[in-house]
């Protein structure tokens, strides 16, 4: 797997709450919802970028890319 980087991102309260609500409703992590949004954005802009990252710890549900693999 390619190297990954951490990036700190500030969000307005309304954006954070909306994204967190989506994550909660779908049983996913907030980071996975944000990665999915970034993947859709970069695809629309004509880029083919992989957003898969190595993981540790507990997971709440499958990510979009993990669901695609089933």
C-alpha atoms as a PDB file:
ATOM      1  CA  UNK A   1       0.000   0.000   0.000  1.00  0.00           C
ATOM      2  CA  UNK A   2       1.189   3.503  -0.796  1.00  0.00           C
ATOM      3  CA  UNK A   3       2.399   5.828   1.916  1.00  0.00           C
ATOM      4  CA  UNK A   4      -0.319   7.792   3.675  1.00  0.00           C
ATOM      5  CA  UNK A   5      -0.238  11.187   5.394  1.00  0.00           C
ATOM      6  CA  UNK A   6      -2.147  12.684   8.266  1.00  0.00           C
ATOM      7  CA  UNK A   7      -3.734  16.069   7.722  1.00  0.00           C
ATOM      8  CA  UNK A   8      -5.536  18.248  10.237  1.00  0.00           C
ATOM      9  CA  UNK A   9      -8.656  19.917   8.864  1.00  0.00           C
ATOM     10  CA  UNK A  10     -10.740  22.623  10.531  1.00  0.00           C
ATOM     11  CA  UNK A  11     -14.464  22.537   9.762  1.00  0.00           C
ATOM     12  CA  UNK A  12     -17.244  24.906  10.632  1.00  0.00           C
ATOM     13  CA  UNK A  13     -19.616  23.559  13.267  1.00  0.00           C
ATOM     14  CA  UNK A  14     -22.477  23.061  10.785  1.00  0.00           C
ATOM     15  CA  UNK A  15     -20.273  21.124   8.348  1.00  0.00           C
ATOM     16  CA  UNK A  16     -18.881  18.970  11.160  1.00  0.00           C
ATOM     17  CA  UNK A  17     -22.353  18.198  12.537  1.00  0.00           C
ATOM     18  CA  UNK A  18     -23.721  17.323   9.089  1.00  0.00           C
ATOM     19  CA  UNK A  19     -20.801  15.002   8.290  1.00  0.00           C
ATOM     20  CA  UNK A  20     -20.958  13.399  11.737  1.00  0.00           C
ATOM     21  CA  UNK A  21     -24.692  12.816  11.359  1.00  0.00           C
ATOM     22  CA  UNK A  22     -24.094  11.076   8.021  1.00  0.00           C
ATOM     23  CA  UNK A  23     -21.392   8.920   9.617  1.00  0.00           C
ATOM     24  CA  UNK A  24     -23.650   8.009  12.553  1.00  0.00           C
ATOM     25  CA  UNK A  25     -26.614   7.145  10.312  1.00  0.00           C
ATOM     26  CA  UNK A  26     -24.402   4.926   8.147  1.00  0.00           C
ATOM     27  CA  UNK A  27     -22.466   3.383  11.049  1.00  0.00           C
ATOM     28  CA  UNK A  28     -19.189   4.696   9.665  1.00  0.00           C
ATOM     29  CA  UNK A  29     -16.305   6.780  10.890  1.00  0.00           C
ATOM     30  CA  UNK A  30     -16.264  10.505  10.167  1.00  0.00           C
ATOM     31  CA  UNK A  31     -12.889  10.094   8.440  1.00  0.00           C
ATOM     32  CA  UNK A  32     -14.386   7.570   6.018  1.00  0.00           C
ATOM     33  CA  UNK A  33     -17.238   9.928   5.117  1.00  0.00           C
ATOM     34  CA  UNK A  34     -14.734  12.719   4.461  1.00  0.00           C
ATOM     35  CA  UNK A  35     -12.528  10.399   2.357  1.00  0.00           C
ATOM     36  CA  UNK A  36     -15.563   9.415   0.284  1.00  0.00           C
ATOM     37  CA  UNK A  37     -16.417  13.085  -0.315  1.00  0.00           C
ATOM     38  CA  UNK A  38     -12.828  13.804  -1.349  1.00  0.00           C
ATOM     39  CA  UNK A  39     -12.817  10.801  -3.672  1.00  0.00           C
ATOM     40  CA  UNK A  40     -16.007  12.022  -5.385  1.00  0.00           C
ATOM     41  CA  UNK A  41     -14.583  15.546  -5.702  1.00  0.00           C
ATOM     42  CA  UNK A  42     -11.242  14.467  -7.179  1.00  0.00           C
ATOM     43  CA  UNK A  43     -13.005  12.092  -9.592  1.00  0.00           C
ATOM     44  CA  UNK A  44     -15.226  14.939 -10.838  1.00  0.00           C
ATOM     45  CA  UNK A  45     -12.073  17.013 -11.374  1.00  0.00           C
ATOM     46  CA  UNK A  46     -10.589  14.248 -13.548  1.00  0.00           C
ATOM     47  CA  UNK A  47      -8.175  12.627 -11.081  1.00  0.00           C
ATOM     48  CA  UNK A  48      -7.900   8.940 -10.310  1.00  0.00           C
ATOM     49  CA  UNK A  49      -6.790   8.839  -6.693  1.00  0.00           C
ATOM     50  CA  UNK A  50      -6.900   5.952  -4.229  1.00  0.00           C
ATOM     51  CA  UNK A  51      -8.210   6.863  -0.784  1.00  0.00           C
ATOM     52  CA  UNK A  52      -7.581   3.503   0.859  1.00  0.00           C
ATOM     53  CA  UNK A  53      -5.451   3.745   3.983  1.00  0.00           C
ATOM     54  CA  UNK A  54      -4.007   1.234   6.429  1.00  0.00           C
ATOM     55  CA  UNK A  55      -6.042   1.027   9.585  1.00  0.00           C
ATOM     56  CA  UNK A  56      -5.769  -0.048  13.172  1.00  0.00           C
ATOM     57  CA  UNK A  57      -8.196  -0.082  16.069  1.00  0.00           C
ATOM     58  CA  UNK A  58     -11.921  -0.697  16.077  1.00  0.00           C
ATOM     59  CA  UNK A  59     -14.046  -0.079  12.998  1.00  0.00           C
ATOM     60  CA  UNK A  60     -17.736   0.798  13.091  1.00  0.00           C
ATOM     61  CA  UNK A  61     -18.571  -0.531   9.647  1.00  0.00           C
ATOM     62  CA  UNK A  62     -17.239  -1.100   6.183  1.00  0.00           C
ATOM     63  CA  UNK A  63     -15.868   1.796   4.188  1.00  0.00           C
ATOM     64  CA  UNK A  64     -17.188   2.538   0.703  1.00  0.00           C
ATOM     65  CA  UNK A  65     -14.173   0.853  -0.903  1.00  0.00           C
ATOM     66  CA  UNK A  66     -14.528  -2.202   1.338  1.00  0.00           C
ATOM     67  CA  UNK A  67     -18.228  -2.447   0.367  1.00  0.00           C
ATOM     68  CA  UNK A  68     -17.233  -2.247  -3.318  1.00  0.00           C
ATOM     69  CA  UNK A  69     -14.930  -5.248  -2.830  1.00  0.00           C
ATOM     70  CA  UNK A  70     -17.818  -7.500  -1.667  1.00  0.00           C
END
